[in-house]
Amino acid sequence: METQQGELQLGDFIKGRLLFLEDYCKRRGLDYPKTLAEVQAQALRLAGTPEKAEFLKTRLFSGIVLSSSYFPDWVDKVLLEAITIAFKGPGAPLHTTTSRIPCITFEAGQFNAHRQADTVFRAYFSGKRPEDWLKSGFVQINRKCYGDAFADHIQVEELGPRRFRVSIDNAGVEKADQMDCSTGVGYLYGALEKLGVTGPLVTHDRCGLVPGSPDRICVYEISWR
């Protein structure tokens, strides 16, 4: 859902990024307060304008992020890149085209799918077969967060038993880039894991956000045994 100010109900996704940061530090034995401070410093550097930097200071890093909170979509883009740099350093891979080669943004998407399947979006997962979730639940989640205009342009095709193609039109989405696509690969992968699929494969060879692409259409190929 979108507000008149162009903000979207992305609170739970942003909250998930911060929880992923904390969880990753715990699993890897990293100093969480120190890493969080590095993420904040990198995010302010990446903000691009004084106005955006101030927004991050007051609305993200100094306030409480609720599942119902609204944010401009650029916040997620900045936060994901800042987290990657804090964990892996400058020059670390920001995106992937396959679930076979994960990266930090992929892992963040996977983490959020696992978490949301048990919490805020449980109704979209509960009792669903993987096929049903891809046809309806995935689109409903995008409708909830990005609005009707975005969700109405998502196409889900069943190509055969346990084979699907998801096409997404990113026109008008400011934060859409190859890094964001990697969170999509991770989210689809993690959601299928939560739905009982063992070893799903998600690939993203057609990316409309690659420089020079003739359109803004992104295609995800999904299969499992």
C-alpha atoms as a PDB file:
ATOM      1  CA  MET A   1       0.000   0.000   0.000  1.00  0.00           C
ATOM      2  CA  GLU A   2       1.301   3.447  -0.948  1.00  0.00           C
ATOM      3  CA  THR A   3       0.829   6.757   0.837  1.00  0.00           C
ATOM      4  CA  GLN A   4       0.323  10.116  -0.839  1.00  0.00           C
ATOM      5  CA  GLN A   5       3.958  10.933  -0.059  1.00  0.00           C
ATOM      6  CA  GLY A   6       5.149   7.982  -2.134  1.00  0.00           C
ATOM      7  CA  GLU A   7       6.104   5.850   0.852  1.00  0.00           C
ATOM      8  CA  LEU A   8       5.290   2.147   0.897  1.00  0.00           C
ATOM      9  CA  GLN A   9       4.380  -0.227   3.701  1.00  0.00           C
ATOM     10  CA  LEU A  10       7.862  -1.685   3.793  1.00  0.00           C
ATOM     11  CA  GLY A  11       8.256  -1.639   7.564  1.00  0.00           C
ATOM     12  CA  ASP A  12       8.428  -5.392   7.969  1.00  0.00           C
ATOM     13  CA  PHE A  13      10.975  -5.772   5.182  1.00  0.00           C
ATOM     14  CA  ILE A  14      13.161  -3.043   6.697  1.00  0.00           C
ATOM     15  CA  LYS A  15      12.697  -4.576  10.139  1.00  0.00           C
ATOM     16  CA  GLY A  16      13.760  -7.884   8.611  1.00  0.00           C
ATOM     17  CA  ARG A  17      16.968  -6.377   7.244  1.00  0.00           C
ATOM     18  CA  LEU A  18      17.908  -5.185  10.734  1.00  0.00           C
ATOM     19  CA  LEU A  19      17.021  -8.544  12.279  1.00  0.00           C
ATOM     20  CA  PHE A  20      19.079 -10.265   9.586  1.00  0.00           C
ATOM     21  CA  LEU A  21      22.014  -8.040  10.514  1.00  0.00           C
ATOM     22  CA  GLU A  22      21.723  -9.072  14.157  1.00  0.00           C
ATOM     23  CA  ASP A  23      21.231 -12.764  13.329  1.00  0.00           C
ATOM     24  CA  TYR A  24      24.183 -12.821  10.931  1.00  0.00           C
ATOM     25  CA  CYS A  25      26.452 -11.298  13.567  1.00  0.00           C
ATOM     26  CA  LYS A  26      25.378 -13.899  16.122  1.00  0.00           C
ATOM     27  CA  ARG A  27      25.900 -16.802  13.721  1.00  0.00           C
ATOM     28  CA  ARG A  28      29.310 -15.565  12.585  1.00  0.00           C
ATOM     29  CA  GLY A  29      30.542 -14.394  15.987  1.00  0.00           C
ATOM     30  CA  LEU A  30      30.768 -10.742  14.913  1.00  0.00           C
ATOM     31  CA  ASP A  31      30.583  -7.723  17.213  1.00  0.00           C
ATOM     32  CA  TYR A  32      26.977  -6.621  16.654  1.00  0.00           C
ATOM     33  CA  PRO A  33      27.163  -3.050  18.063  1.00  0.00           C
ATOM     34  CA  LYS A  34      30.349  -2.377  16.080  1.00  0.00           C
ATOM     35  CA  THR A  35      28.868  -3.841  12.882  1.00  0.00           C
ATOM     36  CA  LEU A  36      25.626  -1.898  13.327  1.00  0.00           C
ATOM     37  CA  ALA A  37      27.623   1.331  13.695  1.00  0.00           C
ATOM     38  CA  GLU A  38      29.476   0.493  10.471  1.00  0.00           C
ATOM     39  CA  VAL A  39      26.181  -0.160   8.660  1.00  0.00           C
ATOM     40  CA  GLN A  40      24.829   3.188   9.829  1.00  0.00           C
ATOM     41  CA  ALA A  41      27.980   5.000   8.698  1.00  0.00           C
ATOM     42  CA  GLN A  42      27.906   3.334   5.288  1.00  0.00           C
ATOM     43  CA  ALA A  43      24.177   4.021   4.850  1.00  0.00           C
ATOM     44  CA  LEU A  44      24.647   7.736   5.563  1.00  0.00           C
ATOM     45  CA  ARG A  45      27.484   7.815   3.034  1.00  0.00           C
ATOM     46  CA  LEU A  46      25.350   6.047   0.423  1.00  0.00           C
ATOM     47  CA  ALA A  47      22.257   8.189   1.028  1.00  0.00           C
ATOM     48  CA  GLY A  48      23.310  10.610  -1.688  1.00  0.00           C
ATOM     49  CA  THR A  49      21.725  13.793  -0.349  1.00  0.00           C
ATOM     50  CA  PRO A  50      21.650  15.574   3.026  1.00  0.00           C
ATOM     51  CA  GLU A  51      17.862  15.157   3.085  1.00  0.00           C
ATOM     52  CA  LYS A  52      18.057  11.401   2.675  1.00  0.00           C
ATOM     53  CA  ALA A  53      20.846  11.153   5.252  1.00  0.00           C
ATOM     54  CA  GLU A  54      18.702  13.075   7.731  1.00  0.00           C
ATOM     55  CA  PHE A  55      15.767  10.781   6.986  1.00  0.00           C
ATOM     56  CA  LEU A  56      17.896   7.741   7.818  1.00  0.00           C
ATOM     57  CA  LYS A  57      19.086   9.325  11.050  1.00  0.00           C
ATOM     58  CA  THR A  58      15.635  10.273  12.302  1.00  0.00           C
ATOM     59  CA  ARG A  59      13.303   7.675  10.838  1.00  0.00           C
ATOM     60  CA  LEU A  60      15.439   4.540  10.618  1.00  0.00           C
ATOM     61  CA  PHE A  61      18.296   4.670  13.073  1.00  0.00           C
ATOM     62  CA  SER A  62      16.723   6.756  15.844  1.00  0.00           C
ATOM     63  CA  GLY A  63      13.167   5.446  15.785  1.00  0.00           C
ATOM     64  CA  ILE A  64      11.300   2.178  16.159  1.00  0.00           C
ATOM     65  CA  VAL A  65      10.738   0.212  12.959  1.00  0.00           C
ATOM     66  CA  LEU A  66       7.313  -1.422  13.076  1.00  0.00           C
ATOM     67  CA  SER A  67       5.848  -3.909  10.626  1.00  0.00           C
ATOM     68  CA  SER A  68       3.231  -1.286   9.789  1.00  0.00           C
ATOM     69  CA  SER A  69       5.779   1.495   9.173  1.00  0.00           C
ATOM     70  CA  TYR A  70       6.013   3.267   5.815  1.00  0.00           C
ATOM     71  CA  PHE A  71       9.293   4.071   4.077  1.00  0.00           C
ATOM     72  CA  PRO A  72      10.415   5.347   0.675  1.00  0.00           C
ATOM     73  CA  ASP A  73      11.656   2.370  -1.321  1.00  0.00           C
ATOM     74  CA  TRP A  74      15.197   3.793  -1.645  1.00  0.00           C
ATOM     75  CA  VAL A  75      15.747   3.078   2.068  1.00  0.00           C
ATOM     76  CA  ASP A  76      15.892  -0.658   1.434  1.00  0.00           C
ATOM     77  CA  LYS A  77      18.380  -0.214  -1.395  1.00  0.00           C
ATOM     78  CA  VAL A  78      20.740   1.874   0.737  1.00  0.00           C
ATOM     79  CA  LEU A  79      20.422  -0.440   3.725  1.00  0.00           C
ATOM     80  CA  LEU A  80      21.166  -3.603   1.738  1.00  0.00           C
ATOM     81  CA  GLU A  81      24.312  -2.146   0.206  1.00  0.00           C
ATOM     82  CA  ALA A  82      25.469  -0.817   3.573  1.00  0.00           C
ATOM     83  CA  ILE A  83      24.987  -4.245   5.183  1.00  0.00           C
ATOM     84  CA  THR A  84      26.928  -5.947   2.386  1.00  0.00           C
ATOM     85  CA  ILE A  85      29.861  -3.552   2.755  1.00  0.00           C
ATOM     86  CA  ALA A  86      29.871  -3.936   6.545  1.00  0.00           C
ATOM     87  CA  PHE A  87      29.962  -7.745   6.284  1.00  0.00           C
ATOM     88  CA  LYS A  88      32.133  -8.275   3.230  1.00  0.00           C
ATOM     89  CA  GLY A  89      33.950  -4.993   2.585  1.00  0.00           C
ATOM     90  CA  PRO A  90      33.954  -2.597  -0.372  1.00  0.00           C
ATOM     91  CA  GLY A  91      33.770  -4.358  -3.716  1.00  0.00           C
ATOM     92  CA  ALA A  92      31.876  -7.383  -2.379  1.00  0.00           C
ATOM     93  CA  PRO A  93      29.304  -8.904  -4.766  1.00  0.00           C
ATOM     94  CA  LEU A  94      25.991  -7.084  -4.412  1.00  0.00           C
ATOM     95  CA  HIS A  95      23.936  -9.418  -6.553  1.00  0.00           C
ATOM     96  CA  THR A  96      23.627 -12.927  -7.961  1.00  0.00           C
ATOM     97  CA  THR A  97      21.652 -14.532 -10.763  1.00  0.00           C
ATOM     98  CA  THR A  98      21.188 -17.946  -9.170  1.00  0.00           C
ATOM     99  CA  SER A  99      20.387 -19.504  -5.831  1.00  0.00           C
ATOM    100  CA  ARG A 100      23.416 -21.747  -6.408  1.00  0.00           C
ATOM    101  CA  ILE A 101      25.695 -18.753  -5.740  1.00  0.00           C
ATOM    102  CA  PRO A 102      24.313 -16.846  -2.737  1.00  0.00           C
ATOM    103  CA  CYS A 103      25.442 -13.396  -1.631  1.00  0.00           C
ATOM    104  CA  ILE A 104      24.511 -11.128   1.282  1.00  0.00           C
ATOM    105  CA  THR A 105      21.470  -9.657  -0.479  1.00  0.00           C
ATOM    106  CA  PHE A 106      20.303 -13.167  -1.372  1.00  0.00           C
ATOM    107  CA  GLU A 107      20.702 -14.244   2.255  1.00  0.00           C
ATOM    108  CA  ALA A 108      18.757 -11.189   3.440  1.00  0.00           C
ATOM    109  CA  GLY A 109      15.851 -12.123   1.166  1.00  0.00           C
ATOM    110  CA  GLN A 110      15.966 -15.746   2.283  1.00  0.00           C
ATOM    111  CA  PHE A 111      15.991 -14.689   5.941  1.00  0.00           C
ATOM    112  CA  ASN A 112      12.966 -12.441   5.476  1.00  0.00           C
ATOM    113  CA  ALA A 113      10.984 -15.188   3.747  1.00  0.00           C
ATOM    114  CA  HIS A 114      11.663 -17.605   6.606  1.00  0.00           C
ATOM    115  CA  ARG A 115      10.696 -14.998   9.199  1.00  0.00           C
ATOM    116  CA  GLN A 116       7.617 -13.603   7.463  1.00  0.00           C
ATOM    117  CA  ALA A 117       6.253 -17.069   6.763  1.00  0.00           C
ATOM    118  CA  ASP A 118       5.945 -17.535  10.530  1.00  0.00           C
ATOM    119  CA  THR A 119       4.850 -14.001  11.415  1.00  0.00           C
ATOM    120  CA  VAL A 120       3.342 -11.095   9.511  1.00  0.00           C
ATOM    121  CA  PHE A 121       2.552 -13.021   6.291  1.00  0.00           C
ATOM    122  CA  ARG A 122       1.704 -16.367   7.871  1.00  0.00           C
ATOM    123  CA  ALA A 123      -1.804 -16.243   6.395  1.00  0.00           C
ATOM    124  CA  TYR A 124      -0.288 -16.236   2.896  1.00  0.00           C
ATOM    125  CA  PHE A 125       1.810 -19.328   3.685  1.00  0.00           C
ATOM    126  CA  SER A 126      -0.311 -21.422   6.049  1.00  0.00           C
ATOM    127  CA  GLY A 127      -1.650 -24.568   4.421  1.00  0.00           C
ATOM    128  CA  LYS A 128      -0.394 -23.568   0.975  1.00  0.00           C
ATOM    129  CA  ARG A 129       1.258 -25.896  -1.487  1.00  0.00           C
ATOM    130  CA  PRO A 130       4.317 -24.378  -3.166  1.00  0.00           C
ATOM    131  CA  GLU A 131       2.337 -24.146  -6.402  1.00  0.00           C
ATOM    132  CA  ASP A 132      -0.514 -22.279  -4.694  1.00  0.00           C
ATOM    133  CA  TRP A 133       1.830 -19.867  -2.959  1.00  0.00           C
ATOM    134  CA  LEU A 134       3.554 -18.947  -6.203  1.00  0.00           C
ATOM    135  CA  LYS A 135       0.238 -18.370  -7.971  1.00  0.00           C
ATOM    136  CA  SER A 136      -1.407 -16.337  -5.215  1.00  0.00           C
ATOM    137  CA  GLY A 137       0.546 -15.791  -1.983  1.00  0.00           C
ATOM    138  CA  PHE A 138       3.594 -14.244  -3.626  1.00  0.00           C
ATOM    139  CA  VAL A 139       1.450 -11.799  -5.581  1.00  0.00           C
ATOM    140  CA  GLN A 140      -0.625 -10.928  -2.498  1.00  0.00           C
ATOM    141  CA  ILE A 141       2.502 -10.117  -0.491  1.00  0.00           C
ATOM    142  CA  ASN A 142       3.716  -7.793  -3.237  1.00  0.00           C
ATOM    143  CA  ARG A 143       0.285  -6.191  -3.441  1.00  0.00           C
ATOM    144  CA  LYS A 144       0.328  -5.543   0.300  1.00  0.00           C
ATOM    145  CA  CYS A 145       3.775  -3.938   0.217  1.00  0.00           C
ATOM    146  CA  TYR A 146       4.067  -2.301  -3.197  1.00  0.00           C
ATOM    147  CA  GLY A 147       0.453  -1.646  -4.135  1.00  0.00           C
ATOM    148  CA  ASP A 148      -1.939  -2.719  -6.869  1.00  0.00           C
ATOM    149  CA  ALA A 149      -0.115  -1.028  -9.752  1.00  0.00           C
ATOM    150  CA  PHE A 150       2.977  -3.145  -9.109  1.00  0.00           C
ATOM    151  CA  ALA A 151       1.256  -6.427  -8.232  1.00  0.00           C
ATOM    152  CA  ASP A 152      -1.090  -6.258 -11.223  1.00  0.00           C
ATOM    153  CA  HIS A 153       1.922  -6.552 -13.536  1.00  0.00           C
ATOM    154  CA  ILE A 154       3.336  -9.706 -11.948  1.00  0.00           C
ATOM    155  CA  GLN A 155       2.851 -12.743 -14.170  1.00  0.00           C
ATOM    156  CA  VAL A 156       3.168 -16.278 -12.801  1.00  0.00           C
ATOM    157  CA  GLU A 157       3.290 -19.057 -15.378  1.00  0.00           C
ATOM    158  CA  GLU A 158       3.200 -22.781 -14.601  1.00  0.00           C
ATOM    159  CA  LEU A 159       5.478 -24.353 -17.194  1.00  0.00           C
ATOM    160  CA  GLY A 160       5.112 -27.928 -16.018  1.00  0.00           C
ATOM    161  CA  PRO A 161       5.269 -30.054 -12.872  1.00  0.00           C
ATOM    162  CA  ARG A 162       7.285 -28.087 -10.305  1.00  0.00           C
ATOM    163  CA  ARG A 163       8.416 -25.562 -12.921  1.00  0.00           C
ATOM    164  CA  PHE A 164       7.353 -21.918 -12.836  1.00  0.00           C
ATOM    165  CA  ARG A 165       8.271 -18.601 -14.393  1.00  0.00           C
ATOM    166  CA  VAL A 166       7.653 -15.325 -12.551  1.00  0.00           C
ATOM    167  CA  SER A 167       7.860 -12.089 -14.565  1.00  0.00           C
ATOM    168  CA  ILE A 168       7.962  -8.722 -12.799  1.00  0.00           C
ATOM    169  CA  ASP A 169       7.654  -5.262 -14.339  1.00  0.00           C
ATOM    170  CA  ASN A 170       9.861  -2.859 -12.350  1.00  0.00           C
ATOM    171  CA  ALA A 171       8.751   0.320 -14.102  1.00  0.00           C
ATOM    172  CA  GLY A 172       8.385   3.119 -11.562  1.00  0.00           C
ATOM    173  CA  VAL A 173      10.125   1.301  -8.681  1.00  0.00           C
ATOM    174  CA  GLU A 174      12.998   3.528  -7.546  1.00  0.00           C
ATOM    175  CA  LYS A 175      14.906   0.922  -5.558  1.00  0.00           C
ATOM    176  CA  ALA A 176      14.774  -1.711  -8.292  1.00  0.00           C
ATOM    177  CA  ASP A 177      18.258  -2.790  -9.349  1.00  0.00           C
ATOM    178  CA  GLN A 178      20.251  -6.005  -9.659  1.00  0.00           C
ATOM    179  CA  MET A 179      20.843  -6.027  -5.915  1.00  0.00           C
ATOM    180  CA  ASP A 180      17.114  -5.897  -5.260  1.00  0.00           C
ATOM    181  CA  CYS A 181      16.640  -8.747  -7.739  1.00  0.00           C
ATOM    182  CA  SER A 182      18.970 -10.865  -5.609  1.00  0.00           C
ATOM    183  CA  THR A 183      16.725 -10.371  -2.596  1.00  0.00           C
ATOM    184  CA  GLY A 184      13.915 -11.613  -4.839  1.00  0.00           C
ATOM    185  CA  VAL A 185      15.896 -14.741  -5.696  1.00  0.00           C
ATOM    186  CA  GLY A 186      16.540 -15.260  -1.987  1.00  0.00           C
ATOM    187  CA  TYR A 187      12.926 -14.589  -1.007  1.00  0.00           C
ATOM    188  CA  LEU A 188      11.524 -17.062  -3.531  1.00  0.00           C
ATOM    189  CA  TYR A 189      14.099 -19.637  -2.474  1.00  0.00           C
ATOM    190  CA  GLY A 190      13.438 -19.127   1.253  1.00  0.00           C
ATOM    191  CA  ALA A 191       9.662 -19.175   0.811  1.00  0.00           C
ATOM    192  CA  LEU A 192       9.806 -22.499  -1.011  1.00  0.00           C
ATOM    193  CA  GLU A 193      12.021 -23.895   1.755  1.00  0.00           C
ATOM    194  CA  LYS A 194       9.393 -22.883   4.327  1.00  0.00           C
ATOM    195  CA  LEU A 195       6.737 -24.584   2.202  1.00  0.00           C
ATOM    196  CA  GLY A 196       8.609 -27.880   2.434  1.00  0.00           C
ATOM    197  CA  VAL A 197      10.566 -27.846  -0.818  1.00  0.00           C
ATOM    198  CA  THR A 198      14.012 -29.429  -0.624  1.00  0.00           C
ATOM    199  CA  GLY A 199      16.697 -27.825  -2.765  1.00  0.00           C
ATOM    200  CA  PRO A 200      14.677 -25.464  -4.962  1.00  0.00           C
ATOM    201  CA  LEU A 201      16.468 -23.746  -7.812  1.00  0.00           C
ATOM    202  CA  VAL A 202      15.799 -20.088  -8.594  1.00  0.00           C
ATOM    203  CA  THR A 203      17.595 -18.442 -11.503  1.00  0.00           C
ATOM    204  CA  HIS A 204      17.398 -14.907 -12.826  1.00  0.00           C
ATOM    205  CA  ASP A 205      19.121 -14.749 -16.184  1.00  0.00           C
ATOM    206  CA  ARG A 206      16.785 -12.160 -17.718  1.00  0.00           C
ATOM    207  CA  CYS A 207      17.131  -8.972 -15.685  1.00  0.00           C
ATOM    208  CA  GLY A 208      15.502  -5.811 -16.960  1.00  0.00           C
ATOM    209  CA  LEU A 209      17.652  -3.776 -14.604  1.00  0.00           C
ATOM    210  CA  VAL A 210      20.952  -4.599 -16.287  1.00  0.00           C
ATOM    211  CA  PRO A 211      22.241  -1.466 -18.036  1.00  0.00           C
ATOM    212  CA  GLY A 212      21.180  -1.508 -21.672  1.00  0.00           C
ATOM    213  CA  SER A 213      18.186  -3.794 -21.147  1.00  0.00           C
ATOM    214  CA  PRO A 214      15.370  -3.000 -23.629  1.00  0.00           C
ATOM    215  CA  ASP A 215      12.718  -3.004 -20.884  1.00  0.00           C
ATOM    216  CA  ARG A 216      12.304  -3.236 -17.100  1.00  0.00           C
ATOM    217  CA  ILE A 217      10.993  -6.807 -17.062  1.00  0.00           C
ATOM    218  CA  CYS A 218      12.717  -9.290 -14.738  1.00  0.00           C
ATOM    219  CA  VAL A 219      12.146 -13.033 -15.113  1.00  0.00           C
ATOM    220  CA  TYR A 220      12.718 -15.678 -12.439  1.00  0.00           C
ATOM    221  CA  GLU A 221      12.826 -19.358 -13.375  1.00  0.00           C
ATOM    222  CA  ILE A 222      11.869 -21.658 -10.494  1.00  0.00           C
ATOM    223  CA  SER A 223      12.006 -25.435 -10.229  1.00  0.00           C
ATOM    224  CA  TRP A 224      12.269 -28.194  -7.676  1.00  0.00           C
ATOM    225  CA  ARG A 225      12.284 -31.979  -7.563  1.00  0.00           C
END
